[in-house]
Amino acid sequence: MRAAPPGRRRSPTAAFLDDLAGRGKEPLLKSASGTLRFDLRDGDRIEHWAVKIEKGDVNISRSRAHADAVVRLDRSTFDGMTSGTVNATAALLRGDLDVTGDLGLVMLFQRVFPGPPG
């Protein structure tokens, strides 16, 4: 896992994706194969995260490469999804996410987000 620079905490997004990549095979994604790219807006900056899934094996990179599904959203919304304070499906229905491509892959992936705290 990546350590945060001295004096800075890792974001919920980085912590979640590092943990997911370190799990090896993710049983909740055993029926999924494809590539997702999350484009996270933070002011004028866009942060890219690519998630490649092969029948539960997950690889994460910081890539802008082509993906089967691209999800564009604010960084704060994704941080909430990765910490369990924002429901991914509800965010999609509210229009907080813009999905291009394979919506089914996005819906499968949302299974790995944590539930509400407590």
C-alpha atoms as a PDB file:
ATOM      1  CA  MET A   1       0.000   0.000   0.000  1.00  0.00           C
ATOM      2  CA  ARG A   2       1.082   3.534  -0.644  1.00  0.00           C
ATOM      3  CA  ALA A   3       1.967   5.632   2.351  1.00  0.00           C
ATOM      4  CA  ALA A   4       0.732   9.196   2.525  1.00  0.00           C
ATOM      5  CA  PRO A   5       3.366  11.944   2.508  1.00  0.00           C
ATOM      6  CA  PRO A   6       4.363  13.124   6.005  1.00  0.00           C
ATOM      7  CA  GLY A   7       1.664  15.336   7.481  1.00  0.00           C
ATOM      8  CA  ARG A   8      -1.036  14.133   5.027  1.00  0.00           C
ATOM      9  CA  ARG A   9      -3.632  11.426   5.439  1.00  0.00           C
ATOM     10  CA  ARG A  10      -4.463   9.132   2.561  1.00  0.00           C
ATOM     11  CA  SER A  11      -7.781   9.954   0.985  1.00  0.00           C
ATOM     12  CA  PRO A  12     -10.664   7.514   1.449  1.00  0.00           C
ATOM     13  CA  THR A  13     -10.412   6.861  -2.317  1.00  0.00           C
ATOM     14  CA  ALA A  14      -6.715   5.906  -2.220  1.00  0.00           C
ATOM     15  CA  ALA A  15      -7.199   3.780   0.915  1.00  0.00           C
ATOM     16  CA  PHE A  16     -10.185   1.934  -0.597  1.00  0.00           C
ATOM     17  CA  LEU A  17      -8.528   1.267  -3.965  1.00  0.00           C
ATOM     18  CA  ASP A  18      -5.227   0.201  -2.366  1.00  0.00           C
ATOM     19  CA  ASP A  19      -7.138  -2.211  -0.136  1.00  0.00           C
ATOM     20  CA  LEU A  20      -9.159  -3.557  -3.070  1.00  0.00           C
ATOM     21  CA  ALA A  21      -6.024  -4.138  -5.154  1.00  0.00           C
ATOM     22  CA  GLY A  22      -4.370  -5.936  -2.238  1.00  0.00           C
ATOM     23  CA  ARG A  23      -7.174  -8.453  -1.712  1.00  0.00           C
ATOM     24  CA  GLY A  24      -6.229 -10.700  -4.609  1.00  0.00           C
ATOM     25  CA  LYS A  25      -9.444 -12.300  -5.820  1.00  0.00           C
ATOM     26  CA  GLU A  26     -12.587 -10.358  -4.863  1.00  0.00           C
ATOM     27  CA  PRO A  27     -15.498 -12.843  -4.499  1.00  0.00           C
ATOM     28  CA  LEU A  28     -18.133 -10.140  -5.052  1.00  0.00           C
ATOM     29  CA  LEU A  29     -16.715  -9.587  -8.558  1.00  0.00           C
ATOM     30  CA  LYS A  30     -16.227 -13.247  -9.557  1.00  0.00           C
ATOM     31  CA  SER A  31     -18.735 -12.891 -12.419  1.00  0.00           C
ATOM     32  CA  ALA A  32     -17.270  -9.612 -13.699  1.00  0.00           C
ATOM     33  CA  SER A  33     -14.687  -8.932 -16.384  1.00  0.00           C
ATOM     34  CA  GLY A  34     -13.916  -5.551 -17.888  1.00  0.00           C
ATOM     35  CA  THR A  35     -12.280  -2.226 -17.224  1.00  0.00           C
ATOM     36  CA  LEU A  36     -13.727   0.733 -15.347  1.00  0.00           C
ATOM     37  CA  ARG A  37     -12.211   4.190 -15.284  1.00  0.00           C
ATOM     38  CA  PHE A  38     -13.137   6.700 -12.617  1.00  0.00           C
ATOM     39  CA  ASP A  39     -12.522  10.342 -13.572  1.00  0.00           C
ATOM     40  CA  LEU A  40     -12.656  12.272 -10.303  1.00  0.00           C
ATOM     41  CA  ARG A  41     -13.080  16.063 -10.450  1.00  0.00           C
ATOM     42  CA  ASP A  42     -11.388  18.088  -7.743  1.00  0.00           C
ATOM     43  CA  GLY A  43     -11.726  21.736  -8.707  1.00  0.00           C
ATOM     44  CA  ASP A  44      -9.929  22.179 -12.043  1.00  0.00           C
ATOM     45  CA  ARG A  45      -8.030  18.925 -11.591  1.00  0.00           C
ATOM     46  CA  ILE A  46      -9.145  15.471 -12.783  1.00  0.00           C
ATOM     47  CA  GLU A  47      -7.723  12.354 -11.169  1.00  0.00           C
ATOM     48  CA  HIS A  48      -7.961   9.078 -13.152  1.00  0.00           C
ATOM     49  CA  TRP A  49      -8.207   5.608 -11.647  1.00  0.00           C
ATOM     50  CA  ALA A  50      -8.480   2.508 -13.845  1.00  0.00           C
ATOM     51  CA  VAL A  51      -9.858  -0.724 -12.403  1.00  0.00           C
ATOM     52  CA  LYS A  52      -9.328  -3.874 -14.473  1.00  0.00           C
ATOM     53  CA  ILE A  53     -11.420  -6.858 -13.395  1.00  0.00           C
ATOM     54  CA  GLU A  54     -10.899 -10.422 -14.649  1.00  0.00           C
ATOM     55  CA  LYS A  55     -13.396 -12.780 -12.986  1.00  0.00           C
ATOM     56  CA  GLY A  56     -12.698 -11.318  -9.567  1.00  0.00           C
ATOM     57  CA  ASP A  57      -9.000 -10.516  -9.987  1.00  0.00           C
ATOM     58  CA  VAL A  58      -8.621  -6.746  -9.621  1.00  0.00           C
ATOM     59  CA  ASN A  59      -5.769  -4.537 -10.833  1.00  0.00           C
ATOM     60  CA  ILE A  60      -5.729  -0.791 -10.160  1.00  0.00           C
ATOM     61  CA  SER A  61      -3.703   1.871 -11.957  1.00  0.00           C
ATOM     62  CA  ARG A  62      -3.686   5.622 -12.441  1.00  0.00           C
ATOM     63  CA  SER A  63      -4.454   5.497 -16.159  1.00  0.00           C
ATOM     64  CA  ARG A  64      -6.531   7.418 -18.691  1.00  0.00           C
ATOM     65  CA  ALA A  65      -6.665   4.389 -20.987  1.00  0.00           C
ATOM     66  CA  HIS A  66      -9.800   3.261 -22.811  1.00  0.00           C
ATOM     67  CA  ALA A  67     -12.300   1.504 -20.529  1.00  0.00           C
ATOM     68  CA  ASP A  68     -15.518  -0.473 -20.939  1.00  0.00           C
ATOM     69  CA  ALA A  69     -17.177   2.013 -18.583  1.00  0.00           C
ATOM     70  CA  VAL A  70     -16.146   5.529 -17.602  1.00  0.00           C
ATOM     71  CA  VAL A  71     -17.612   7.095 -14.465  1.00  0.00           C
ATOM     72  CA  ARG A  72     -17.214  10.860 -14.038  1.00  0.00           C
ATOM     73  CA  LEU A  73     -17.966  12.426 -10.675  1.00  0.00           C
ATOM     74  CA  ASP A  74     -16.697  14.775  -7.995  1.00  0.00           C
ATOM     75  CA  ARG A  75     -13.871  13.489  -5.847  1.00  0.00           C
ATOM     76  CA  SER A  76     -15.888  14.216  -2.687  1.00  0.00           C
ATOM     77  CA  THR A  77     -18.746  11.983  -3.928  1.00  0.00           C
ATOM     78  CA  PHE A  78     -16.357   9.112  -4.644  1.00  0.00           C
ATOM     79  CA  ASP A  79     -14.680   9.594  -1.252  1.00  0.00           C
ATOM     80  CA  GLY A  80     -18.153   9.238   0.267  1.00  0.00           C
ATOM     81  CA  MET A  81     -18.836   6.080  -1.732  1.00  0.00           C
ATOM     82  CA  THR A  82     -15.518   4.547  -0.654  1.00  0.00           C
ATOM     83  CA  SER A  83     -16.130   5.376   3.009  1.00  0.00           C
ATOM     84  CA  GLY A  84     -19.763   4.182   3.058  1.00  0.00           C
ATOM     85  CA  THR A  85     -21.401   7.585   3.575  1.00  0.00           C
ATOM     86  CA  VAL A  86     -22.725   7.883  -0.016  1.00  0.00           C
ATOM     87  CA  ASN A  87     -24.725   5.128  -1.722  1.00  0.00           C
ATOM     88  CA  ALA A  88     -23.476   4.588  -5.291  1.00  0.00           C
ATOM     89  CA  THR A  89     -26.889   3.702  -6.733  1.00  0.00           C
ATOM     90  CA  ALA A  90     -28.546   6.702  -5.087  1.00  0.00           C
ATOM     91  CA  ALA A  91     -25.736   8.961  -6.376  1.00  0.00           C
ATOM     92  CA  LEU A  92     -26.323   7.620  -9.894  1.00  0.00           C
ATOM     93  CA  LEU A  93     -30.074   8.251  -9.650  1.00  0.00           C
ATOM     94  CA  ARG A  94     -29.464  11.800  -8.350  1.00  0.00           C
ATOM     95  CA  GLY A  95     -27.237  12.516 -11.341  1.00  0.00           C
ATOM     96  CA  ASP A  96     -24.073  12.861  -9.247  1.00  0.00           C
ATOM     97  CA  LEU A  97     -22.350  10.320 -11.526  1.00  0.00           C
ATOM     98  CA  ASP A  98     -22.083  10.380 -15.295  1.00  0.00           C
ATOM     99  CA  VAL A  99     -21.605   6.884 -16.712  1.00  0.00           C
ATOM    100  CA  THR A 100     -20.520   6.168 -20.268  1.00  0.00           C
ATOM    101  CA  GLY A 101     -20.325   2.585 -21.488  1.00  0.00           C
ATOM    102  CA  ASP A 102     -21.161  -0.624 -19.639  1.00  0.00           C
ATOM    103  CA  LEU A 103     -23.594   0.364 -16.869  1.00  0.00           C
ATOM    104  CA  GLY A 104     -23.910  -3.306 -15.848  1.00  0.00           C
ATOM    105  CA  LEU A 105     -20.195  -3.418 -14.993  1.00  0.00           C
ATOM    106  CA  VAL A 106     -20.576  -0.276 -12.888  1.00  0.00           C
ATOM    107  CA  MET A 107     -23.547  -1.811 -11.049  1.00  0.00           C
ATOM    108  CA  LEU A 108     -21.554  -4.989 -10.342  1.00  0.00           C
ATOM    109  CA  PHE A 109     -18.620  -2.954  -9.060  1.00  0.00           C
ATOM    110  CA  GLN A 110     -20.791  -0.984  -6.639  1.00  0.00           C
ATOM    111  CA  ARG A 111     -21.107  -4.200  -4.597  1.00  0.00           C
ATOM    112  CA  VAL A 112     -17.584  -3.695  -3.229  1.00  0.00           C
ATOM    113  CA  PHE A 113     -18.291  -0.269  -1.717  1.00  0.00           C
ATOM    114  CA  PRO A 114     -18.751  -0.437   2.057  1.00  0.00           C
ATOM    115  CA  GLY A 115     -22.123   0.018   3.691  1.00  0.00           C
ATOM    116  CA  PRO A 116     -22.956   2.888   6.018  1.00  0.00           C
ATOM    117  CA  PRO A 117     -20.694   3.244   9.063  1.00  0.00           C
ATOM    118  CA  GLY A 118     -21.920   1.665  12.290  1.00  0.00           C
END
